[in-house]
Amino acid sequence: MRIRLTLLGWKAMSLLAALTLAFFATAYSNLFFLLVTTCAALGALGALAAAANLRGVAVNDVELPLAAAGERRAVAVRLTAAKPRLDLRVALLAADRATPAMPLGVCAMVAGPTTLAGELPPRERGVVAVRGLRLSSSWPFGLFAASRDVPAAAELTTYPAPSGEARRRTAGAAGDAANGPRDAGVSGLRPYRAGDSVTDVHWKATARRGAPVVKERDVEPPLADAAVVDRRLPPPEFAAALAGATADVLEHARRGQPLQLRSQGTRLAMIAQRDAAAPLLRWLAAATPLPADAGSPTEGAP
């Protein structure tokens, strides 16, 4: 818990100093003594009330959704307090203590479970580790500001702004279009059904059983598209590659289609599930360039 004077508090201290000087310098000692003691009592009460206003406030959850570079980000902080607390300011604290606190918003009142819907200004691409939240309040008089840090482990992920043109390549050989399923090997035999291809008829089994029998085949899913990012590129081309890969990821996630993200030492797969794009977008947010003599994007991918 930290308590400091606000700008209004410093002005009040200047007034208290002037009243104290007048108390010693003039004949109206009783009047100025009353004013000095009243101001001192109000200041002490303001400091104690500001500190008490933060006690009992707990942070239940922090939602920091992913956002593109240059876009504002809506955040949600779930607070709870056993007794009503007033005028609470909430700020985000980065793990790097040199980074200033990032204000999220103000709760006029926290009474029981309360959700603060805040917003963060646009940020550049990157991943910032969050170490906690800072709760502060200057209630009731605005003379003192009390603050308390609450630990909270989270990440602030800002992925590259997607480009207008997505760059896609299929995961198979060159020229292999992933437009439909591919036939695999024979997994068994089954009786003929209307619509089965004549080429699937197993003639030897048909002759033995005296009834049409066809081959049962496993059908492999379509080849997934692949977004390839070469980290050996110069900075402008590298940024363009990240933007193109981001457009790929977002488009495939919107359509519910699988996608592979490939780079030096990296191969991530996205399947048609909710939030499946998050690991790929996080990698794009944290990706760094490599020297020109590094291996190709397809070498050493786990």
C-alpha atoms as a PDB file:
ATOM      1  CA  MET A   1       0.000   0.000   0.000  1.00  0.00           C
ATOM      2  CA  ARG A   2       1.338   3.413  -1.011  1.00  0.00           C
ATOM      3  CA  ILE A   3      -0.116   6.821  -0.160  1.00  0.00           C
ATOM      4  CA  ARG A   4       0.965  10.057  -1.808  1.00  0.00           C
ATOM      5  CA  LEU A   5      -0.296  13.608  -2.058  1.00  0.00           C
ATOM      6  CA  THR A   6      -2.284  14.598  -5.115  1.00  0.00           C
ATOM      7  CA  LEU A   7      -2.007  17.997  -6.791  1.00  0.00           C
ATOM      8  CA  LEU A   8      -4.976  19.148  -4.730  1.00  0.00           C
ATOM      9  CA  GLY A   9      -3.258  17.728  -1.657  1.00  0.00           C
ATOM     10  CA  TRP A  10      -0.141  19.805  -2.288  1.00  0.00           C
ATOM     11  CA  LYS A  11      -2.285  22.914  -2.597  1.00  0.00           C
ATOM     12  CA  ALA A  12      -3.993  22.003   0.679  1.00  0.00           C
ATOM     13  CA  MET A  13      -0.582  21.583   2.329  1.00  0.00           C
ATOM     14  CA  SER A  14       0.390  25.059   1.111  1.00  0.00           C
ATOM     15  CA  LEU A  15      -2.798  26.430   2.643  1.00  0.00           C
ATOM     16  CA  LEU A  16      -2.074  24.615   5.911  1.00  0.00           C
ATOM     17  CA  ALA A  17       1.432  26.088   5.969  1.00  0.00           C
ATOM     18  CA  ALA A  18       0.036  29.584   5.431  1.00  0.00           C
ATOM     19  CA  LEU A  19      -2.522  29.133   8.219  1.00  0.00           C
ATOM     20  CA  THR A  20       0.200  27.850  10.567  1.00  0.00           C
ATOM     21  CA  LEU A  21       2.354  30.882   9.796  1.00  0.00           C
ATOM     22  CA  ALA A  22      -0.615  33.185  10.420  1.00  0.00           C
ATOM     23  CA  PHE A  23      -1.267  31.413  13.726  1.00  0.00           C
ATOM     24  CA  PHE A  24       2.171  32.393  15.001  1.00  0.00           C
ATOM     25  CA  ALA A  25       2.330  35.799  13.358  1.00  0.00           C
ATOM     26  CA  THR A  26      -1.040  37.394  14.195  1.00  0.00           C
ATOM     27  CA  ALA A  27      -3.125  38.102  17.256  1.00  0.00           C
ATOM     28  CA  TYR A  28      -6.068  35.984  16.078  1.00  0.00           C
ATOM     29  CA  SER A  29      -4.458  32.823  17.452  1.00  0.00           C
ATOM     30  CA  ASN A  30      -7.687  31.094  18.484  1.00  0.00           C
ATOM     31  CA  LEU A  31      -9.243  31.415  15.026  1.00  0.00           C
ATOM     32  CA  PHE A  32      -6.151  30.253  13.191  1.00  0.00           C
ATOM     33  CA  PHE A  33      -5.611  27.426  15.684  1.00  0.00           C
ATOM     34  CA  LEU A  34      -9.130  26.190  14.890  1.00  0.00           C
ATOM     35  CA  LEU A  35      -8.490  26.401  11.147  1.00  0.00           C
ATOM     36  CA  VAL A  36      -5.128  24.586  11.425  1.00  0.00           C
ATOM     37  CA  THR A  37      -6.506  21.762  13.525  1.00  0.00           C
ATOM     38  CA  THR A  38      -9.549  21.364  11.243  1.00  0.00           C
ATOM     39  CA  CYS A  39      -7.408  21.172   8.102  1.00  0.00           C
ATOM     40  CA  ALA A  40      -4.991  18.729   9.746  1.00  0.00           C
ATOM     41  CA  ALA A  41      -7.872  16.507  10.885  1.00  0.00           C
ATOM     42  CA  LEU A  42      -9.425  16.524   7.411  1.00  0.00           C
ATOM     43  CA  GLY A  43      -6.067  15.616   5.857  1.00  0.00           C
ATOM     44  CA  ALA A  44      -5.507  12.722   8.234  1.00  0.00           C
ATOM     45  CA  LEU A  45      -9.071  11.496   7.684  1.00  0.00           C
ATOM     46  CA  GLY A  46      -8.611  11.706   3.901  1.00  0.00           C
ATOM     47  CA  ALA A  47      -5.409   9.642   4.028  1.00  0.00           C
ATOM     48  CA  LEU A  48      -6.959   6.946   6.228  1.00  0.00           C
ATOM     49  CA  ALA A  49     -10.152   6.794   4.131  1.00  0.00           C
ATOM     50  CA  ALA A  50      -8.217   6.517   0.852  1.00  0.00           C
ATOM     51  CA  ALA A  51      -6.208   3.582   2.228  1.00  0.00           C
ATOM     52  CA  ALA A  52      -9.289   1.873   3.676  1.00  0.00           C
ATOM     53  CA  ASN A  53     -11.094   2.246   0.347  1.00  0.00           C
ATOM     54  CA  LEU A  54      -8.671  -0.253  -1.257  1.00  0.00           C
ATOM     55  CA  ARG A  55      -8.847  -2.911   1.445  1.00  0.00           C
ATOM     56  CA  GLY A  56     -10.855  -6.006   0.648  1.00  0.00           C
ATOM     57  CA  VAL A  57     -10.826  -5.477  -3.129  1.00  0.00           C
ATOM     58  CA  ALA A  58      -9.826  -8.644  -5.029  1.00  0.00           C
ATOM     59  CA  VAL A  59      -9.182  -9.255  -8.716  1.00  0.00           C
ATOM     60  CA  ASN A  60     -10.897 -12.430  -9.936  1.00  0.00           C
ATOM     61  CA  ASP A  61     -10.017 -12.403 -13.625  1.00  0.00           C
ATOM     62  CA  VAL A  62      -8.359 -10.312 -16.317  1.00  0.00           C
ATOM     63  CA  GLU A  63      -9.313 -10.700 -19.985  1.00  0.00           C
ATOM     64  CA  LEU A  64      -6.727  -9.359 -22.435  1.00  0.00           C
ATOM     65  CA  PRO A  65      -7.872 -10.423 -25.903  1.00  0.00           C
ATOM     66  CA  LEU A  66      -5.466 -10.458 -28.833  1.00  0.00           C
ATOM     67  CA  ALA A  67      -5.519  -7.402 -31.063  1.00  0.00           C
ATOM     68  CA  ALA A  68      -3.848  -6.286 -34.265  1.00  0.00           C
ATOM     69  CA  ALA A  69      -1.145  -3.641 -34.247  1.00  0.00           C
ATOM     70  CA  GLY A  70      -2.630  -0.160 -34.494  1.00  0.00           C
ATOM     71  CA  GLU A  71      -6.054  -1.225 -33.148  1.00  0.00           C
ATOM     72  CA  ARG A  72      -7.663  -0.369 -29.835  1.00  0.00           C
ATOM     73  CA  ARG A  73      -8.272  -3.300 -27.518  1.00  0.00           C
ATOM     74  CA  ALA A  74     -11.287  -3.859 -25.252  1.00  0.00           C
ATOM     75  CA  VAL A  75     -10.360  -5.481 -21.919  1.00  0.00           C
ATOM     76  CA  ALA A  76     -12.388  -6.758 -18.976  1.00  0.00           C
ATOM     77  CA  VAL A  77     -11.365  -6.898 -15.315  1.00  0.00           C
ATOM     78  CA  ARG A  78     -13.572  -8.729 -12.810  1.00  0.00           C
ATOM     79  CA  LEU A  79     -13.371  -7.263  -9.311  1.00  0.00           C
ATOM     80  CA  THR A  80     -15.109  -8.133  -6.079  1.00  0.00           C
ATOM     81  CA  ALA A  81     -15.376  -6.448  -2.691  1.00  0.00           C
ATOM     82  CA  ALA A  82     -17.219  -7.433   0.473  1.00  0.00           C
ATOM     83  CA  LYS A  83     -18.118  -3.793   1.188  1.00  0.00           C
ATOM     84  CA  PRO A  84     -18.831  -1.037  -1.339  1.00  0.00           C
ATOM     85  CA  ARG A  85     -15.707   0.714  -2.606  1.00  0.00           C
ATOM     86  CA  LEU A  86     -15.849   3.970  -4.541  1.00  0.00           C
ATOM     87  CA  ASP A  87     -13.852   5.617  -7.332  1.00  0.00           C
ATOM     88  CA  LEU A  88     -11.371   2.803  -8.060  1.00  0.00           C
ATOM     89  CA  ARG A  89      -8.873   3.306 -10.866  1.00  0.00           C
ATOM     90  CA  VAL A  90      -7.357   0.215 -12.486  1.00  0.00           C
ATOM     91  CA  ALA A  91      -4.092   0.118 -14.448  1.00  0.00           C
ATOM     92  CA  LEU A  92      -2.118  -2.709 -16.052  1.00  0.00           C
ATOM     93  CA  LEU A  93       1.459  -3.367 -14.919  1.00  0.00           C
ATOM     94  CA  ALA A  94       4.005  -4.847 -17.323  1.00  0.00           C
ATOM     95  CA  ALA A  95       6.670  -7.282 -16.119  1.00  0.00           C
ATOM     96  CA  ASP A  96       9.249  -4.776 -17.349  1.00  0.00           C
ATOM     97  CA  ARG A  97       9.165  -2.256 -14.531  1.00  0.00           C
ATOM     98  CA  ALA A  98      10.530   0.438 -16.832  1.00  0.00           C
ATOM     99  CA  THR A  99       7.236   0.359 -18.757  1.00  0.00           C
ATOM    100  CA  PRO A 100       4.743   2.837 -17.276  1.00  0.00           C
ATOM    101  CA  ALA A 101       1.411   1.593 -15.960  1.00  0.00           C
ATOM    102  CA  MET A 102      -1.317   1.343 -18.603  1.00  0.00           C
ATOM    103  CA  PRO A 103      -4.651   2.790 -17.385  1.00  0.00           C
ATOM    104  CA  LEU A 104      -7.685   0.599 -18.073  1.00  0.00           C
ATOM    105  CA  GLY A 105     -10.552   2.592 -16.608  1.00  0.00           C
ATOM    106  CA  VAL A 106     -12.400   3.734 -13.490  1.00  0.00           C
ATOM    107  CA  CYS A 107     -15.013   1.874 -11.433  1.00  0.00           C
ATOM    108  CA  ALA A 108     -17.417   4.328  -9.820  1.00  0.00           C
ATOM    109  CA  MET A 109     -18.431   1.624  -7.333  1.00  0.00           C
ATOM    110  CA  VAL A 110     -17.378  -1.949  -6.580  1.00  0.00           C
ATOM    111  CA  ALA A 111     -20.072  -3.719  -4.597  1.00  0.00           C
ATOM    112  CA  GLY A 112     -19.849  -7.502  -4.833  1.00  0.00           C
ATOM    113  CA  PRO A 113     -18.801  -8.972  -8.205  1.00  0.00           C
ATOM    114  CA  THR A 114     -18.184  -6.099 -10.634  1.00  0.00           C
ATOM    115  CA  THR A 115     -16.800  -6.066 -14.182  1.00  0.00           C
ATOM    116  CA  LEU A 116     -14.763  -3.132 -15.409  1.00  0.00           C
ATOM    117  CA  ALA A 117     -14.963  -2.765 -19.185  1.00  0.00           C
ATOM    118  CA  GLY A 118     -11.856  -0.856 -20.186  1.00  0.00           C
ATOM    119  CA  GLU A 119      -9.905  -0.118 -23.327  1.00  0.00           C
ATOM    120  CA  LEU A 120      -6.217   0.037 -24.205  1.00  0.00           C
ATOM    121  CA  PRO A 121      -4.826   2.376 -26.871  1.00  0.00           C
ATOM    122  CA  PRO A 122      -3.223   0.955 -30.041  1.00  0.00           C
ATOM    123  CA  ARG A 123       0.102  -0.802 -29.573  1.00  0.00           C
ATOM    124  CA  GLU A 124       2.909  -2.030 -31.805  1.00  0.00           C
ATOM    125  CA  ARG A 125       3.475  -5.698 -32.606  1.00  0.00           C
ATOM    126  CA  GLY A 126       4.835  -7.718 -29.711  1.00  0.00           C
ATOM    127  CA  VAL A 127       4.121  -9.789 -26.607  1.00  0.00           C
ATOM    128  CA  VAL A 128       4.216  -8.026 -23.223  1.00  0.00           C
ATOM    129  CA  ALA A 129       4.204 -10.067 -20.017  1.00  0.00           C
ATOM    130  CA  VAL A 130       1.857  -8.663 -17.376  1.00  0.00           C
ATOM    131  CA  ARG A 131       2.761  -8.947 -13.698  1.00  0.00           C
ATOM    132  CA  GLY A 132      -0.384  -7.504 -12.177  1.00  0.00           C
ATOM    133  CA  LEU A 133      -2.862  -4.671 -11.759  1.00  0.00           C
ATOM    134  CA  ARG A 134      -2.578  -1.412  -9.849  1.00  0.00           C
ATOM    135  CA  LEU A 135      -5.672  -0.331  -7.902  1.00  0.00           C
ATOM    136  CA  SER A 136      -5.711   3.296  -6.821  1.00  0.00           C
ATOM    137  CA  SER A 137      -8.181   5.734  -5.317  1.00  0.00           C
ATOM    138  CA  SER A 138      -8.238   9.335  -4.066  1.00  0.00           C
ATOM    139  CA  TRP A 139     -11.672   9.057  -2.445  1.00  0.00           C
ATOM    140  CA  PRO A 140     -13.105  10.854  -0.486  1.00  0.00           C
ATOM    141  CA  PHE A 141     -11.469  14.312  -0.599  1.00  0.00           C
ATOM    142  CA  GLY A 142      -8.959  13.927  -3.424  1.00  0.00           C
ATOM    143  CA  LEU A 143      -6.100  15.042  -1.157  1.00  0.00           C
ATOM    144  CA  PHE A 144      -4.286  11.697  -0.995  1.00  0.00           C
ATOM    145  CA  ALA A 145      -4.042   8.892  -3.588  1.00  0.00           C
ATOM    146  CA  ALA A 146      -3.655   5.387  -2.202  1.00  0.00           C
ATOM    147  CA  SER A 147      -2.492   2.576  -4.506  1.00  0.00           C
ATOM    148  CA  ARG A 148      -2.064  -1.185  -4.163  1.00  0.00           C
ATOM    149  CA  ASP A 149      -0.564  -3.703  -6.626  1.00  0.00           C
ATOM    150  CA  VAL A 150      -2.394  -6.991  -7.125  1.00  0.00           C
ATOM    151  CA  PRO A 151      -0.484  -9.837  -8.837  1.00  0.00           C
ATOM    152  CA  ALA A 152      -2.029 -11.251 -12.021  1.00  0.00           C
ATOM    153  CA  ALA A 153      -0.240 -13.390 -14.590  1.00  0.00           C
ATOM    154  CA  ALA A 154      -1.275 -12.571 -18.165  1.00  0.00           C
ATOM    155  CA  GLU A 155       0.057 -11.588 -21.575  1.00  0.00           C
ATOM    156  CA  LEU A 156      -0.677  -8.650 -23.806  1.00  0.00           C
ATOM    157  CA  THR A 157      -0.334 -10.011 -27.347  1.00  0.00           C
ATOM    158  CA  THR A 158      -0.407  -7.687 -30.340  1.00  0.00           C
ATOM    159  CA  TYR A 159      -0.121  -9.498 -33.664  1.00  0.00           C
ATOM    160  CA  PRO A 160       0.843  -7.827 -36.972  1.00  0.00           C
ATOM    161  CA  ALA A 161      -1.784  -5.851 -38.796  1.00  0.00           C
ATOM    162  CA  PRO A 162      -2.997  -8.158 -41.601  1.00  0.00           C
ATOM    163  CA  SER A 163      -2.228  -7.151 -45.149  1.00  0.00           C
ATOM    164  CA  GLY A 164      -4.873  -6.950 -47.842  1.00  0.00           C
ATOM    165  CA  GLU A 165      -3.274  -9.802 -49.781  1.00  0.00           C
ATOM    166  CA  ALA A 166      -2.903 -13.216 -48.163  1.00  0.00           C
ATOM    167  CA  ARG A 167       0.011 -15.393 -49.226  1.00  0.00           C
ATOM    168  CA  ARG A 168      -0.866 -19.075 -49.301  1.00  0.00           C
ATOM    169  CA  ARG A 169       0.883 -22.230 -50.408  1.00  0.00           C
ATOM    170  CA  THR A 170      -0.416 -25.757 -50.103  1.00  0.00           C
ATOM    171  CA  ALA A 171       1.347 -28.116 -47.786  1.00  0.00           C
ATOM    172  CA  GLY A 172       1.748 -30.752 -50.486  1.00  0.00           C
ATOM    173  CA  ALA A 173       3.916 -30.810 -53.571  1.00  0.00           C
ATOM    174  CA  ALA A 174       3.954 -27.902 -55.952  1.00  0.00           C
ATOM    175  CA  GLY A 175       0.826 -27.731 -58.027  1.00  0.00           C
ATOM    176  CA  ASP A 176      -1.137 -30.052 -55.701  1.00  0.00           C
ATOM    177  CA  ALA A 177      -4.368 -28.174 -55.066  1.00  0.00           C
ATOM    178  CA  ALA A 178      -6.033 -28.885 -51.751  1.00  0.00           C
ATOM    179  CA  ASN A 179      -9.563 -28.686 -53.093  1.00  0.00           C
ATOM    180  CA  GLY A 180     -10.958 -31.993 -52.027  1.00  0.00           C
ATOM    181  CA  PRO A 181     -10.374 -35.287 -50.224  1.00  0.00           C
ATOM    182  CA  ARG A 182      -7.722 -37.729 -51.351  1.00  0.00           C
ATOM    183  CA  ASP A 183      -8.270 -41.455 -51.591  1.00  0.00           C
ATOM    184  CA  ALA A 184      -6.120 -43.569 -49.290  1.00  0.00           C
ATOM    185  CA  GLY A 185      -5.532 -47.299 -49.083  1.00  0.00           C
ATOM    186  CA  VAL A 186      -8.142 -50.056 -48.828  1.00  0.00           C
ATOM    187  CA  SER A 187      -9.292 -50.609 -45.242  1.00  0.00           C
ATOM    188  CA  GLY A 188     -11.735 -53.478 -45.852  1.00  0.00           C
ATOM    189  CA  LEU A 189     -14.618 -54.848 -47.887  1.00  0.00           C
ATOM    190  CA  ARG A 190     -18.353 -54.211 -47.681  1.00  0.00           C
ATOM    191  CA  PRO A 191     -21.491 -55.066 -49.692  1.00  0.00           C
ATOM    192  CA  TYR A 192     -22.213 -52.963 -52.748  1.00  0.00           C
ATOM    193  CA  ARG A 193     -24.465 -49.935 -52.237  1.00  0.00           C
ATOM    194  CA  ALA A 194     -26.193 -47.824 -54.843  1.00  0.00           C
ATOM    195  CA  GLY A 195     -23.872 -45.086 -56.058  1.00  0.00           C
ATOM    196  CA  ASP A 196     -20.621 -47.005 -55.519  1.00  0.00           C
ATOM    197  CA  SER A 197     -18.102 -46.740 -58.347  1.00  0.00           C
ATOM    198  CA  VAL A 198     -17.574 -49.777 -60.537  1.00  0.00           C
ATOM    199  CA  THR A 199     -13.812 -49.299 -60.168  1.00  0.00           C
ATOM    200  CA  ASP A 200     -14.159 -50.091 -56.448  1.00  0.00           C
ATOM    201  CA  VAL A 201     -15.747 -53.487 -57.031  1.00  0.00           C
ATOM    202  CA  HIS A 202     -13.592 -56.349 -55.668  1.00  0.00           C
ATOM    203  CA  TRP A 203     -14.167 -58.921 -58.388  1.00  0.00           C
ATOM    204  CA  LYS A 204     -12.566 -61.896 -56.653  1.00  0.00           C
ATOM    205  CA  ALA A 205     -14.606 -61.396 -53.486  1.00  0.00           C
ATOM    206  CA  THR A 206     -17.711 -60.840 -55.586  1.00  0.00           C
ATOM    207  CA  ALA A 207     -17.136 -64.149 -57.372  1.00  0.00           C
ATOM    208  CA  ARG A 208     -16.618 -66.001 -54.080  1.00  0.00           C
ATOM    209  CA  ARG A 209     -19.697 -64.562 -52.347  1.00  0.00           C
ATOM    210  CA  GLY A 210     -21.969 -64.445 -55.338  1.00  0.00           C
ATOM    211  CA  ALA A 211     -22.939 -60.817 -54.547  1.00  0.00           C
ATOM    212  CA  PRO A 212     -21.292 -57.499 -55.411  1.00  0.00           C
ATOM    213  CA  VAL A 213     -18.574 -56.501 -52.949  1.00  0.00           C
ATOM    214  CA  VAL A 214     -16.713 -53.198 -53.039  1.00  0.00           C
ATOM    215  CA  LYS A 215     -13.516 -51.918 -51.452  1.00  0.00           C
ATOM    216  CA  GLU A 216     -13.886 -49.748 -48.349  1.00  0.00           C
ATOM    217  CA  ARG A 217     -11.381 -46.890 -48.474  1.00  0.00           C
ATOM    218  CA  ASP A 218     -10.137 -44.436 -45.858  1.00  0.00           C
ATOM    219  CA  VAL A 219     -10.608 -40.871 -47.033  1.00  0.00           C
ATOM    220  CA  GLU A 220      -7.888 -38.477 -45.976  1.00  0.00           C
ATOM    221  CA  PRO A 221      -8.803 -34.878 -45.251  1.00  0.00           C
ATOM    222  CA  PRO A 222      -7.865 -32.158 -47.731  1.00  0.00           C
ATOM    223  CA  LEU A 223      -4.310 -30.894 -47.645  1.00  0.00           C
ATOM    224  CA  ALA A 224      -4.019 -27.918 -45.338  1.00  0.00           C
ATOM    225  CA  ASP A 225      -2.784 -24.620 -46.685  1.00  0.00           C
ATOM    226  CA  ALA A 226       0.537 -23.411 -45.340  1.00  0.00           C
ATOM    227  CA  ALA A 227       1.642 -19.869 -44.552  1.00  0.00           C
ATOM    228  CA  VAL A 228       5.450 -19.705 -44.777  1.00  0.00           C
ATOM    229  CA  VAL A 229       7.436 -16.931 -43.087  1.00  0.00           C
ATOM    230  CA  ASP A 230      11.119 -16.657 -43.949  1.00  0.00           C
ATOM    231  CA  ARG A 231      12.813 -14.933 -41.034  1.00  0.00           C
ATOM    232  CA  ARG A 232      15.961 -14.219 -43.080  1.00  0.00           C
ATOM    233  CA  LEU A 233      14.235 -11.422 -44.983  1.00  0.00           C
ATOM    234  CA  PRO A 234      15.242  -7.757 -44.573  1.00  0.00           C
ATOM    235  CA  PRO A 235      13.039  -5.770 -42.143  1.00  0.00           C
ATOM    236  CA  PRO A 236      10.537  -4.364 -44.702  1.00  0.00           C
ATOM    237  CA  GLU A 237      10.032  -7.729 -46.432  1.00  0.00           C
ATOM    238  CA  PHE A 238       9.924  -9.510 -43.060  1.00  0.00           C
ATOM    239  CA  ALA A 239       7.151  -7.193 -41.854  1.00  0.00           C
ATOM    240  CA  ALA A 240       5.250  -7.789 -45.102  1.00  0.00           C
ATOM    241  CA  ALA A 241       5.625 -11.561 -44.699  1.00  0.00           C
ATOM    242  CA  LEU A 242       4.242 -11.375 -41.158  1.00  0.00           C
ATOM    243  CA  ALA A 243       1.314  -9.260 -42.349  1.00  0.00           C
ATOM    244  CA  GLY A 244       0.543 -11.721 -45.143  1.00  0.00           C
ATOM    245  CA  ALA A 245       0.737 -14.712 -42.800  1.00  0.00           C
ATOM    246  CA  THR A 246      -1.566 -12.939 -40.343  1.00  0.00           C
ATOM    247  CA  ALA A 247      -4.105 -12.394 -43.110  1.00  0.00           C
ATOM    248  CA  ASP A 248      -3.896 -16.114 -43.900  1.00  0.00           C
ATOM    249  CA  VAL A 249      -4.455 -17.140 -40.291  1.00  0.00           C
ATOM    250  CA  LEU A 250      -7.413 -14.818 -39.774  1.00  0.00           C
ATOM    251  CA  GLU A 251      -9.052 -15.823 -43.070  1.00  0.00           C
ATOM    252  CA  HIS A 252      -8.695 -19.550 -42.395  1.00  0.00           C
ATOM    253  CA  ALA A 253      -9.952 -19.113 -38.840  1.00  0.00           C
ATOM    254  CA  ARG A 254     -12.996 -17.216 -40.135  1.00  0.00           C
ATOM    255  CA  ARG A 255     -13.789 -19.999 -42.588  1.00  0.00           C
ATOM    256  CA  GLY A 256     -12.991 -22.796 -40.157  1.00  0.00           C
ATOM    257  CA  GLN A 257     -10.295 -24.215 -42.431  1.00  0.00           C
ATOM    258  CA  PRO A 258      -7.015 -25.845 -41.311  1.00  0.00           C
ATOM    259  CA  LEU A 259      -3.722 -24.044 -41.817  1.00  0.00           C
ATOM    260  CA  GLN A 260      -0.044 -24.680 -41.163  1.00  0.00           C
ATOM    261  CA  LEU A 261       2.343 -21.906 -40.171  1.00  0.00           C
ATOM    262  CA  ARG A 262       5.945 -22.648 -41.118  1.00  0.00           C
ATOM    263  CA  SER A 263       9.164 -20.861 -40.365  1.00  0.00           C
ATOM    264  CA  GLN A 264      12.707 -21.609 -39.209  1.00  0.00           C
ATOM    265  CA  GLY A 265      12.350 -24.115 -36.366  1.00  0.00           C
ATOM    266  CA  THR A 266       8.596 -23.650 -36.231  1.00  0.00           C
ATOM    267  CA  ARG A 267       5.630 -25.575 -37.556  1.00  0.00           C
ATOM    268  CA  LEU A 268       2.255 -24.784 -36.025  1.00  0.00           C
ATOM    269  CA  ALA A 269      -1.068 -26.252 -37.126  1.00  0.00           C
ATOM    270  CA  MET A 270      -4.475 -24.640 -36.807  1.00  0.00           C
ATOM    271  CA  ILE A 271      -7.558 -26.833 -36.896  1.00  0.00           C
ATOM    272  CA  ALA A 272     -11.200 -25.875 -37.048  1.00  0.00           C
ATOM    273  CA  GLN A 273     -11.713 -25.178 -33.347  1.00  0.00           C
ATOM    274  CA  ARG A 274     -12.570 -22.120 -31.329  1.00  0.00           C
ATOM    275  CA  ASP A 275      -9.517 -19.996 -30.420  1.00  0.00           C
ATOM    276  CA  ALA A 276      -7.326 -22.318 -32.525  1.00  0.00           C
ATOM    277  CA  ALA A 277      -5.699 -19.295 -34.170  1.00  0.00           C
ATOM    278  CA  ALA A 278      -4.331 -17.890 -30.886  1.00  0.00           C
ATOM    279  CA  PRO A 279      -1.006 -19.839 -30.845  1.00  0.00           C
ATOM    280  CA  LEU A 280      -0.281 -18.864 -34.451  1.00  0.00           C
ATOM    281  CA  LEU A 281      -1.087 -15.205 -33.860  1.00  0.00           C
ATOM    282  CA  ARG A 282       1.070 -15.192 -30.738  1.00  0.00           C
ATOM    283  CA  TRP A 283       4.015 -16.568 -32.692  1.00  0.00           C
ATOM    284  CA  LEU A 284       3.526 -13.885 -35.346  1.00  0.00           C
ATOM    285  CA  ALA A 285       3.438 -11.251 -32.595  1.00  0.00           C
ATOM    286  CA  ALA A 286       6.727 -12.416 -31.071  1.00  0.00           C
ATOM    287  CA  ALA A 287       8.616 -13.439 -34.247  1.00  0.00           C
ATOM    288  CA  THR A 288      12.089 -11.952 -34.673  1.00  0.00           C
ATOM    289  CA  PRO A 289      14.326 -11.895 -37.786  1.00  0.00           C
ATOM    290  CA  LEU A 290      17.274 -14.253 -38.287  1.00  0.00           C
ATOM    291  CA  PRO A 291      20.666 -13.676 -39.952  1.00  0.00           C
ATOM    292  CA  ALA A 292      20.928 -14.232 -43.683  1.00  0.00           C
ATOM    293  CA  ASP A 293      22.929 -17.445 -43.280  1.00  0.00           C
ATOM    294  CA  ALA A 294      20.210 -19.210 -41.253  1.00  0.00           C
ATOM    295  CA  GLY A 295      18.479 -22.297 -42.638  1.00  0.00           C
ATOM    296  CA  SER A 296      15.387 -22.278 -44.818  1.00  0.00           C
ATOM    297  CA  PRO A 297      11.899 -22.114 -43.270  1.00  0.00           C
ATOM    298  CA  THR A 298      11.312 -25.847 -43.866  1.00  0.00           C
ATOM    299  CA  GLU A 299      14.520 -27.038 -42.194  1.00  0.00           C
ATOM    300  CA  GLY A 300      14.454 -28.308 -38.622  1.00  0.00           C
ATOM    301  CA  ALA A 301      10.757 -27.685 -38.079  1.00  0.00           C
ATOM    302  CA  PRO A 302       9.499 -29.808 -35.166  1.00  0.00           C
END
